[in-house]
Amino acid sequence: MLPADSHVHSEWSWDAPLGSMERTCEKAVELGLPAIAFTEHVDHTVWMVNLDGLPPDDHLATVCSPDGELTPPRFDAAGYLEAIERCRERFPELRILSGMELGEPHRHAEEIAKLLSVGPFDRLIGSLHCLPIGDRFTEPPGQFARRPAAAVMRDYLAEIPRLIAQSEVFTVLAHIDYPIRYWPTQQAGAFDLLEFEEEFRHALRVTAESGRALEINTRLPLHSTILRWWREEGGQAVTFGSDAHLPSAVAHGFEEAAHMAEAHGFRPGKDLLGIWGRVD
């Protein structure tokens, strides 16, 4: 059996216009997943996007100002929770978890507290998407366009401990390797994971000491070495997340990810809700 997919987006995420909660559930049932968590994007950081580098039909362009400033649309928590209940009724054979992917939660505690008051959320994952550049913020592609790639990677990993220390609302750290998705190979050469071992280990150690789980994100398969470092730095649990923005991407790469987790000593729990614990 494949693990539960604990990081999925539907039409309730502002950057998933082609998502569908119902069709995603259908796909999960087809695959035989024990559970799925709709962790919709909740972003409050306003950041800059390089519009010149986007295809004309890219969804990001539709939510940016003419100068490339992106203000994430408001998350409709009440409407989303109603949709979750409808899917739970339609797919009783599938455990459906409500959730949010909280972007930079350490910077937006007040806004997140308001959302949490709307209703229950089963799975909250914390993400770091944006870093400051001057008096503004931008995601890794914008960072790499303006700064040395290695410096961006180190700044990203240095921000993870601050994220962990300054926010207690989430239980899973998502895609710790997020900048690698956009690594500028032509300018910086092939990515060398070992060059950043010290920084990765520090971020993983702080995360482990906080009691949080580490996500094995399969959108860009997590490197096995990072999972080894996670265990060596005291990590006790992992989850699996496809980061799917389309129904067809649910549980992508999960068979390989599950084998990797087992090879590093992690096993599923009895409740099958996607958290695998460490076996010593």
C-alpha atoms as a PDB file:
ATOM      1  CA  MET A   1       0.000   0.000   0.000  1.00  0.00           C
ATOM      2  CA  LEU A   2       1.212   3.481  -0.860  1.00  0.00           C
ATOM      3  CA  PRO A   3       1.557   6.041   1.958  1.00  0.00           C
ATOM      4  CA  ALA A   4      -1.026   8.750   2.483  1.00  0.00           C
ATOM      5  CA  ASP A   5      -0.453  11.872   0.391  1.00  0.00           C
ATOM      6  CA  SER A   6      -0.084  14.618   2.982  1.00  0.00           C
ATOM      7  CA  HIS A   7       0.536  17.585   0.664  1.00  0.00           C
ATOM      8  CA  VAL A   8      -2.061  18.118  -2.072  1.00  0.00           C
ATOM      9  CA  HIS A   9      -3.614  21.218  -3.627  1.00  0.00           C
ATOM     10  CA  SER A  10      -7.020  21.676  -5.225  1.00  0.00           C
ATOM     11  CA  GLU A  11      -8.968  24.552  -6.755  1.00  0.00           C
ATOM     12  CA  TRP A  12      -8.995  26.097  -3.268  1.00  0.00           C
ATOM     13  CA  SER A  13      -5.304  26.956  -3.648  1.00  0.00           C
ATOM     14  CA  TRP A  14      -4.814  30.260  -5.416  1.00  0.00           C
ATOM     15  CA  ASP A  15      -2.087  28.854  -7.674  1.00  0.00           C
ATOM     16  CA  ALA A  16      -3.952  25.694  -8.735  1.00  0.00           C
ATOM     17  CA  PRO A  17      -6.619  26.896 -11.197  1.00  0.00           C
ATOM     18  CA  LEU A  18      -6.819  23.447 -12.790  1.00  0.00           C
ATOM     19  CA  GLY A  19      -7.078  21.624  -9.483  1.00  0.00           C
ATOM     20  CA  SER A  20     -10.170  19.708  -8.438  1.00  0.00           C
ATOM     21  CA  MET A  21     -10.858  18.341  -4.982  1.00  0.00           C
ATOM     22  CA  GLU A  22     -13.383  15.793  -6.229  1.00  0.00           C
ATOM     23  CA  ARG A  23     -11.245  14.507  -9.116  1.00  0.00           C
ATOM     24  CA  THR A  24      -8.247  14.333  -6.791  1.00  0.00           C
ATOM     25  CA  CYS A  25     -10.240  12.157  -4.397  1.00  0.00           C
ATOM     26  CA  GLU A  26     -11.269   9.940  -7.308  1.00  0.00           C
ATOM     27  CA  LYS A  27      -7.606   9.540  -8.221  1.00  0.00           C
ATOM     28  CA  ALA A  28      -6.651   8.744  -4.627  1.00  0.00           C
ATOM     29  CA  VAL A  29      -9.328   6.029  -4.457  1.00  0.00           C
ATOM     30  CA  GLU A  30      -8.158   4.627  -7.785  1.00  0.00           C
ATOM     31  CA  LEU A  31      -4.596   4.404  -6.437  1.00  0.00           C
ATOM     32  CA  GLY A  32      -5.725   2.841  -3.178  1.00  0.00           C
ATOM     33  CA  LEU A  33      -4.346   5.580  -0.938  1.00  0.00           C
ATOM     34  CA  PRO A  34      -5.354   5.241   2.714  1.00  0.00           C
ATOM     35  CA  ALA A  35      -5.686   9.011   3.174  1.00  0.00           C
ATOM     36  CA  ILE A  36      -5.130  12.371   1.530  1.00  0.00           C
ATOM     37  CA  ALA A  37      -4.596  15.822   2.999  1.00  0.00           C
ATOM     38  CA  PHE A  38      -5.672  18.926   1.108  1.00  0.00           C
ATOM     39  CA  THR A  39      -3.076  21.384   2.361  1.00  0.00           C
ATOM     40  CA  GLU A  40      -4.154  24.472   0.459  1.00  0.00           C
ATOM     41  CA  HIS A  41      -1.851  27.434  -0.016  1.00  0.00           C
ATOM     42  CA  VAL A  42      -2.183  30.132   2.613  1.00  0.00           C
ATOM     43  CA  ASP A  43       0.235  32.909   1.724  1.00  0.00           C
ATOM     44  CA  HIS A  44       0.438  36.428   3.102  1.00  0.00           C
ATOM     45  CA  THR A  45       3.893  37.461   1.930  1.00  0.00           C
ATOM     46  CA  VAL A  46       3.776  39.905  -0.970  1.00  0.00           C
ATOM     47  CA  TRP A  47       6.620  39.158  -3.374  1.00  0.00           C
ATOM     48  CA  MET A  48       8.049  40.210  -6.712  1.00  0.00           C
ATOM     49  CA  VAL A  49       7.778  38.061  -9.840  1.00  0.00           C
ATOM     50  CA  ASN A  50       9.849  38.486 -12.997  1.00  0.00           C
ATOM     51  CA  LEU A  51       7.049  38.759 -15.533  1.00  0.00           C
ATOM     52  CA  ASP A  52       9.515  38.730 -18.425  1.00  0.00           C
ATOM     53  CA  GLY A  53      10.469  35.186 -17.526  1.00  0.00           C
ATOM     54  CA  LEU A  54       6.898  33.857 -17.481  1.00  0.00           C
ATOM     55  CA  PRO A  55       4.971  32.355 -20.391  1.00  0.00           C
ATOM     56  CA  PRO A  56       2.100  34.663 -21.382  1.00  0.00           C
ATOM     57  CA  ASP A  57      -0.489  32.146 -20.196  1.00  0.00           C
ATOM     58  CA  ASP A  58       1.150  31.485 -16.810  1.00  0.00           C
ATOM     59  CA  HIS A  59      -1.328  31.784 -13.952  1.00  0.00           C
ATOM     60  CA  LEU A  60       1.073  33.885 -11.891  1.00  0.00           C
ATOM     61  CA  ALA A  61       0.797  36.679 -14.433  1.00  0.00           C
ATOM     62  CA  THR A  62      -2.940  36.941 -13.776  1.00  0.00           C
ATOM     63  CA  VAL A  63      -2.458  37.714 -10.062  1.00  0.00           C
ATOM     64  CA  CYS A  64       0.424  40.190 -10.413  1.00  0.00           C
ATOM     65  CA  SER A  65       0.380  43.948 -10.716  1.00  0.00           C
ATOM     66  CA  PRO A  66       1.924  45.402 -13.923  1.00  0.00           C
ATOM     67  CA  ASP A  67       5.291  45.799 -12.147  1.00  0.00           C
ATOM     68  CA  GLY A  68       5.296  42.157 -11.022  1.00  0.00           C
ATOM     69  CA  GLU A  69       4.137  42.522  -7.417  1.00  0.00           C
ATOM     70  CA  LEU A  70       2.179  39.438  -6.381  1.00  0.00           C
ATOM     71  CA  THR A  71      -0.345  39.739  -3.565  1.00  0.00           C
ATOM     72  CA  PRO A  72      -1.684  36.229  -2.872  1.00  0.00           C
ATOM     73  CA  PRO A  73      -5.486  36.047  -2.999  1.00  0.00           C
ATOM     74  CA  ARG A  74      -7.338  35.497   0.241  1.00  0.00           C
ATOM     75  CA  PHE A  75      -7.995  31.895   1.281  1.00  0.00           C
ATOM     76  CA  ASP A  76     -11.708  31.103   1.699  1.00  0.00           C
ATOM     77  CA  ALA A  77     -11.385  28.833   4.734  1.00  0.00           C
ATOM     78  CA  ALA A  78     -15.133  28.451   5.319  1.00  0.00           C
ATOM     79  CA  GLY A  79     -15.878  27.518   1.712  1.00  0.00           C
ATOM     80  CA  TYR A  80     -12.941  25.131   1.668  1.00  0.00           C
ATOM     81  CA  LEU A  81     -14.091  23.302   4.808  1.00  0.00           C
ATOM     82  CA  GLU A  82     -17.570  22.900   3.320  1.00  0.00           C
ATOM     83  CA  ALA A  83     -15.998  21.310   0.226  1.00  0.00           C
ATOM     84  CA  ILE A  84     -14.017  18.947   2.455  1.00  0.00           C
ATOM     85  CA  GLU A  85     -17.230  17.763   4.108  1.00  0.00           C
ATOM     86  CA  ARG A  86     -18.898  17.182   0.719  1.00  0.00           C
ATOM     87  CA  CYS A  87     -15.979  15.039  -0.401  1.00  0.00           C
ATOM     88  CA  ARG A  88     -15.993  13.095   2.855  1.00  0.00           C
ATOM     89  CA  GLU A  89     -19.632  12.213   2.204  1.00  0.00           C
ATOM     90  CA  ARG A  90     -18.978  11.264  -1.414  1.00  0.00           C
ATOM     91  CA  PHE A  91     -15.823   9.211  -0.740  1.00  0.00           C
ATOM     92  CA  PRO A  92     -16.396   7.386   2.572  1.00  0.00           C
ATOM     93  CA  GLU A  93     -13.709   4.834   1.717  1.00  0.00           C
ATOM     94  CA  LEU A  94     -11.017   7.542   1.724  1.00  0.00           C
ATOM     95  CA  ARG A  95      -9.741   9.335   4.809  1.00  0.00           C
ATOM     96  CA  ILE A  96      -9.765  13.007   3.822  1.00  0.00           C
ATOM     97  CA  LEU A  97      -7.821  15.434   5.981  1.00  0.00           C
ATOM     98  CA  SER A  98      -8.301  19.182   5.987  1.00  0.00           C
ATOM     99  CA  GLY A  99      -5.193  21.290   6.050  1.00  0.00           C
ATOM    100  CA  MET A 100      -3.189  24.307   5.016  1.00  0.00           C
ATOM    101  CA  GLU A 101       0.295  24.922   3.684  1.00  0.00           C
ATOM    102  CA  LEU A 102       1.348  28.003   5.597  1.00  0.00           C
ATOM    103  CA  GLY A 103       3.851  30.150   3.751  1.00  0.00           C
ATOM    104  CA  GLU A 104       6.327  31.905   6.060  1.00  0.00           C
ATOM    105  CA  PRO A 105       4.095  31.384   9.136  1.00  0.00           C
ATOM    106  CA  HIS A 106       6.695  33.006  11.388  1.00  0.00           C
ATOM    107  CA  ARG A 107       5.977  36.320   9.647  1.00  0.00           C
ATOM    108  CA  HIS A 108       2.170  36.146   9.669  1.00  0.00           C
ATOM    109  CA  ALA A 109       1.045  34.832  13.054  1.00  0.00           C
ATOM    110  CA  GLU A 110      -1.948  37.144  13.425  1.00  0.00           C
ATOM    111  CA  GLU A 111      -3.444  36.357  10.017  1.00  0.00           C
ATOM    112  CA  ILE A 112      -2.960  32.618  10.536  1.00  0.00           C
ATOM    113  CA  ALA A 113      -4.601  32.731  13.977  1.00  0.00           C
ATOM    114  CA  LYS A 114      -7.719  34.241  12.384  1.00  0.00           C
ATOM    115  CA  LEU A 115      -7.917  31.411   9.859  1.00  0.00           C
ATOM    116  CA  LEU A 116      -7.470  28.748  12.514  1.00  0.00           C
ATOM    117  CA  SER A 117     -10.475  30.154  14.363  1.00  0.00           C
ATOM    118  CA  VAL A 118     -12.748  29.364  11.404  1.00  0.00           C
ATOM    119  CA  GLY A 119     -12.747  25.614  11.956  1.00  0.00           C
ATOM    120  CA  PRO A 120     -10.695  22.466  12.529  1.00  0.00           C
ATOM    121  CA  PHE A 121      -7.689  21.702  10.347  1.00  0.00           C
ATOM    122  CA  ASP A 122      -6.151  18.232  10.574  1.00  0.00           C
ATOM    123  CA  ARG A 123      -2.765  18.843   8.954  1.00  0.00           C
ATOM    124  CA  LEU A 124      -0.780  22.077   9.014  1.00  0.00           C
ATOM    125  CA  ILE A 125       2.509  22.184   7.151  1.00  0.00           C
ATOM    126  CA  GLY A 126       4.986  25.031   7.241  1.00  0.00           C
ATOM    127  CA  SER A 127       6.754  26.254   4.127  1.00  0.00           C
ATOM    128  CA  LEU A 128       9.450  28.737   3.296  1.00  0.00           C
ATOM    129  CA  HIS A 129       8.925  30.116  -0.203  1.00  0.00           C
ATOM    130  CA  CYS A 130      10.232  33.695  -0.093  1.00  0.00           C
ATOM    131  CA  LEU A 131      13.368  35.424   1.124  1.00  0.00           C
ATOM    132  CA  PRO A 132      13.972  39.149   1.469  1.00  0.00           C
ATOM    133  CA  ILE A 133      15.929  40.985  -1.154  1.00  0.00           C
ATOM    134  CA  GLY A 134      16.366  44.627  -0.225  1.00  0.00           C
ATOM    135  CA  ASP A 135      13.053  45.832   1.164  1.00  0.00           C
ATOM    136  CA  ARG A 136      11.023  43.287  -0.828  1.00  0.00           C
ATOM    137  CA  PHE A 137      10.621  39.533  -1.033  1.00  0.00           C
ATOM    138  CA  THR A 138      10.984  37.065  -3.867  1.00  0.00           C
ATOM    139  CA  GLU A 139      11.035  33.311  -4.424  1.00  0.00           C
ATOM    140  CA  PRO A 140      14.185  31.379  -5.431  1.00  0.00           C
ATOM    141  CA  PRO A 141      13.944  32.133  -9.183  1.00  0.00           C
ATOM    142  CA  GLY A 142      14.038  35.851  -8.455  1.00  0.00           C
ATOM    143  CA  GLN A 143      16.789  35.380  -5.897  1.00  0.00           C
ATOM    144  CA  PHE A 144      18.958  33.375  -8.282  1.00  0.00           C
ATOM    145  CA  ALA A 145      18.544  36.045 -10.963  1.00  0.00           C
ATOM    146  CA  ARG A 146      20.045  38.692  -8.671  1.00  0.00           C
ATOM    147  CA  ARG A 147      22.435  36.923  -6.295  1.00  0.00           C
ATOM    148  CA  PRO A 148      25.055  34.114  -6.262  1.00  0.00           C
ATOM    149  CA  ALA A 149      23.296  30.771  -6.174  1.00  0.00           C
ATOM    150  CA  ALA A 150      25.278  29.405  -3.223  1.00  0.00           C
ATOM    151  CA  ALA A 151      24.450  32.481  -1.129  1.00  0.00           C
ATOM    152  CA  VAL A 152      20.745  32.068  -1.863  1.00  0.00           C
ATOM    153  CA  MET A 153      20.854  28.403  -0.841  1.00  0.00           C
ATOM    154  CA  ARG A 154      22.655  29.201   2.414  1.00  0.00           C
ATOM    155  CA  ASP A 155      20.273  32.033   3.249  1.00  0.00           C
ATOM    156  CA  TYR A 156      17.314  29.745   2.643  1.00  0.00           C
ATOM    157  CA  LEU A 157      18.647  27.056   4.959  1.00  0.00           C
ATOM    158  CA  ALA A 158      19.580  29.681   7.581  1.00  0.00           C
ATOM    159  CA  GLU A 159      15.986  30.909   7.594  1.00  0.00           C
ATOM    160  CA  ILE A 160      14.592  27.443   8.401  1.00  0.00           C
ATOM    161  CA  PRO A 161      15.669  27.557  12.082  1.00  0.00           C
ATOM    162  CA  ARG A 162      14.015  30.976  12.426  1.00  0.00           C
ATOM    163  CA  LEU A 163      10.843  29.564  10.878  1.00  0.00           C
ATOM    164  CA  ILE A 164      10.922  26.701  13.374  1.00  0.00           C
ATOM    165  CA  ALA A 165      11.706  28.865  16.408  1.00  0.00           C
ATOM    166  CA  GLN A 166       9.175  31.613  15.699  1.00  0.00           C
ATOM    167  CA  SER A 167       6.088  29.583  14.761  1.00  0.00           C
ATOM    168  CA  GLU A 168       4.476  26.736  16.641  1.00  0.00           C
ATOM    169  CA  VAL A 169       1.346  26.324  14.515  1.00  0.00           C
ATOM    170  CA  PHE A 170       2.595  23.675  12.069  1.00  0.00           C
ATOM    171  CA  THR A 171       3.670  20.082  12.654  1.00  0.00           C
ATOM    172  CA  VAL A 172       5.393  19.216   9.359  1.00  0.00           C
ATOM    173  CA  LEU A 173       8.196  21.067   7.570  1.00  0.00           C
ATOM    174  CA  ALA A 174       7.564  20.998   3.818  1.00  0.00           C
ATOM    175  CA  HIS A 175      10.148  20.756   1.021  1.00  0.00           C
ATOM    176  CA  ILE A 176      13.326  21.729   2.854  1.00  0.00           C
ATOM    177  CA  ASP A 177      15.039  21.466  -0.560  1.00  0.00           C
ATOM    178  CA  TYR A 178      12.695  23.943  -2.261  1.00  0.00           C
ATOM    179  CA  PRO A 179      15.374  26.152  -3.905  1.00  0.00           C
ATOM    180  CA  ILE A 180      16.902  23.157  -5.662  1.00  0.00           C
ATOM    181  CA  ARG A 181      13.834  23.060  -7.922  1.00  0.00           C
ATOM    182  CA  TYR A 182      15.051  26.287  -9.490  1.00  0.00           C
ATOM    183  CA  TRP A 183      18.811  25.829  -9.258  1.00  0.00           C
ATOM    184  CA  PRO A 184      20.403  27.862 -12.130  1.00  0.00           C
ATOM    185  CA  THR A 185      22.566  25.138 -13.653  1.00  0.00           C
ATOM    186  CA  GLN A 186      23.712  27.250 -16.590  1.00  0.00           C
ATOM    187  CA  GLN A 187      25.081  29.955 -14.307  1.00  0.00           C
ATOM    188  CA  ALA A 188      26.121  27.934 -11.249  1.00  0.00           C
ATOM    189  CA  GLY A 189      26.827  24.456 -12.599  1.00  0.00           C
ATOM    190  CA  ALA A 190      25.343  21.227 -11.301  1.00  0.00           C
ATOM    191  CA  PHE A 191      23.975  21.369  -7.764  1.00  0.00           C
ATOM    192  CA  ASP A 192      26.375  19.840  -5.236  1.00  0.00           C
ATOM    193  CA  LEU A 193      24.442  18.770  -2.161  1.00  0.00           C
ATOM    194  CA  LEU A 194      27.572  18.079  -0.120  1.00  0.00           C
ATOM    195  CA  GLU A 195      28.642  21.718  -0.466  1.00  0.00           C
ATOM    196  CA  PHE A 196      25.725  22.595   1.848  1.00  0.00           C
ATOM    197  CA  GLU A 197      25.934  19.669   4.274  1.00  0.00           C
ATOM    198  CA  GLU A 198      26.628  21.810   7.326  1.00  0.00           C
ATOM    199  CA  GLU A 199      23.703  24.136   6.600  1.00  0.00           C
ATOM    200  CA  PHE A 200      21.300  21.282   5.860  1.00  0.00           C
ATOM    201  CA  ARG A 201      22.317  19.417   8.997  1.00  0.00           C
ATOM    202  CA  HIS A 202      21.775  22.493  11.174  1.00  0.00           C
ATOM    203  CA  ALA A 203      18.295  23.108   9.729  1.00  0.00           C
ATOM    204  CA  LEU A 204      17.412  19.424  10.109  1.00  0.00           C
ATOM    205  CA  ARG A 205      18.730  19.305  13.692  1.00  0.00           C
ATOM    206  CA  VAL A 206      16.641  22.294  14.764  1.00  0.00           C
ATOM    207  CA  THR A 207      13.571  20.812  13.090  1.00  0.00           C
ATOM    208  CA  ALA A 208      14.115  17.459  14.780  1.00  0.00           C
ATOM    209  CA  GLU A 209      14.585  19.073  18.195  1.00  0.00           C
ATOM    210  CA  SER A 210      11.243  20.859  17.759  1.00  0.00           C
ATOM    211  CA  GLY A 211       9.458  17.513  17.433  1.00  0.00           C
ATOM    212  CA  ARG A 212       8.209  18.176  13.910  1.00  0.00           C
ATOM    213  CA  ALA A 213       8.099  15.717  11.028  1.00  0.00           C
ATOM    214  CA  LEU A 214      10.057  16.201   7.801  1.00  0.00           C
ATOM    215  CA  GLU A 215       8.204  15.980   4.515  1.00  0.00           C
ATOM    216  CA  ILE A 216       9.515  13.765   1.733  1.00  0.00           C
ATOM    217  CA  ASN A 217       8.310  15.905  -1.136  1.00  0.00           C
ATOM    218  CA  THR A 218       8.244  14.032  -4.443  1.00  0.00           C
ATOM    219  CA  ARG A 219       7.650  16.959  -6.801  1.00  0.00           C
ATOM    220  CA  LEU A 220      11.441  17.085  -6.865  1.00  0.00           C
ATOM    221  CA  PRO A 221      12.382  13.770  -5.233  1.00  0.00           C
ATOM    222  CA  LEU A 222      14.093  14.369  -1.900  1.00  0.00           C
ATOM    223  CA  HIS A 223      17.700  13.247  -2.062  1.00  0.00           C
ATOM    224  CA  SER A 224      18.355  10.112  -0.032  1.00  0.00           C
ATOM    225  CA  THR A 225      21.334  11.818   1.618  1.00  0.00           C
ATOM    226  CA  ILE A 226      19.068  14.479   3.150  1.00  0.00           C
ATOM    227  CA  LEU A 227      16.920  11.741   4.657  1.00  0.00           C
ATOM    228  CA  ARG A 228      20.036  10.077   6.067  1.00  0.00           C
ATOM    229  CA  TRP A 229      21.096  13.381   7.600  1.00  0.00           C
ATOM    230  CA  TRP A 230      17.580  13.780   9.043  1.00  0.00           C
ATOM    231  CA  ARG A 231      17.879  10.473  10.861  1.00  0.00           C
ATOM    232  CA  GLU A 232      21.430  11.188  12.029  1.00  0.00           C
ATOM    233  CA  GLU A 233      20.350  14.587  13.394  1.00  0.00           C
ATOM    234  CA  GLY A 234      17.578  12.985  15.458  1.00  0.00           C
ATOM    235  CA  GLY A 235      14.569  13.144  13.129  1.00  0.00           C
ATOM    236  CA  GLN A 236      11.757  10.941  14.426  1.00  0.00           C
ATOM    237  CA  ALA A 237       9.100  11.083  11.700  1.00  0.00           C
ATOM    238  CA  VAL A 238       8.463  11.730   8.015  1.00  0.00           C
ATOM    239  CA  THR A 239       5.436  12.380   5.849  1.00  0.00           C
ATOM    240  CA  PHE A 240       5.004  12.063   2.091  1.00  0.00           C
ATOM    241  CA  GLY A 241       3.771  14.855  -0.144  1.00  0.00           C
ATOM    242  CA  SER A 242       3.309  14.953  -3.895  1.00  0.00           C
ATOM    243  CA  ASP A 243       2.713  18.722  -3.827  1.00  0.00           C
ATOM    244  CA  ALA A 244       0.175  17.953  -6.548  1.00  0.00           C
ATOM    245  CA  HIS A 245      -1.600  20.881  -8.189  1.00  0.00           C
ATOM    246  CA  LEU A 246      -3.404  18.564 -10.613  1.00  0.00           C
ATOM    247  CA  PRO A 247      -5.350  15.369  -9.821  1.00  0.00           C
ATOM    248  CA  SER A 248      -3.076  13.350 -12.094  1.00  0.00           C
ATOM    249  CA  ALA A 249      -0.033  14.175  -9.941  1.00  0.00           C
ATOM    250  CA  VAL A 250      -1.356  12.684  -6.691  1.00  0.00           C
ATOM    251  CA  ALA A 251       1.115  10.248  -5.081  1.00  0.00           C
ATOM    252  CA  HIS A 252       3.603  10.769  -7.898  1.00  0.00           C
ATOM    253  CA  GLY A 253       6.841   8.965  -7.041  1.00  0.00           C
ATOM    254  CA  PHE A 254       5.477   7.510  -3.806  1.00  0.00           C
ATOM    255  CA  GLU A 255       6.583   3.937  -4.387  1.00  0.00           C
ATOM    256  CA  GLU A 256      10.217   5.008  -4.688  1.00  0.00           C
ATOM    257  CA  ALA A 257       9.885   7.451  -1.769  1.00  0.00           C
ATOM    258  CA  ALA A 258       8.402   4.766   0.483  1.00  0.00           C
ATOM    259  CA  HIS A 259      11.245   2.373  -0.315  1.00  0.00           C
ATOM    260  CA  MET A 260      13.751   5.111   0.485  1.00  0.00           C
ATOM    261  CA  ALA A 261      12.074   5.877   3.812  1.00  0.00           C
ATOM    262  CA  GLU A 262      12.077   2.201   4.743  1.00  0.00           C
ATOM    263  CA  ALA A 263      15.757   1.924   3.840  1.00  0.00           C
ATOM    264  CA  HIS A 264      16.484   4.704   6.335  1.00  0.00           C
ATOM    265  CA  GLY A 265      14.493   3.082   9.120  1.00  0.00           C
ATOM    266  CA  PHE A 266      11.057   4.738   8.934  1.00  0.00           C
ATOM    267  CA  ARG A 267       7.832   2.730   9.026  1.00  0.00           C
ATOM    268  CA  PRO A 268       4.087   3.529   8.789  1.00  0.00           C
ATOM    269  CA  GLY A 269       2.031   4.003  11.919  1.00  0.00           C
ATOM    270  CA  LYS A 270      -1.164   2.163  12.790  1.00  0.00           C
ATOM    271  CA  ASP A 271      -3.494   5.030  11.861  1.00  0.00           C
ATOM    272  CA  LEU A 272      -2.250   5.217   8.220  1.00  0.00           C
ATOM    273  CA  LEU A 273      -2.558   9.022   8.223  1.00  0.00           C
ATOM    274  CA  GLY A 274       0.747   9.560   6.533  1.00  0.00           C
ATOM    275  CA  ILE A 275       3.177   9.963   9.430  1.00  0.00           C
ATOM    276  CA  TRP A 276       5.893   7.333   9.430  1.00  0.00           C
ATOM    277  CA  GLY A 277       7.908   6.920  12.592  1.00  0.00           C
ATOM    278  CA  ARG A 278      11.502   6.017  13.149  1.00  0.00           C
ATOM    279  CA  VAL A 279      12.374   2.438  14.038  1.00  0.00           C
ATOM    280  CA  ASP A 280      15.647   2.138  15.955  1.00  0.00           C
END
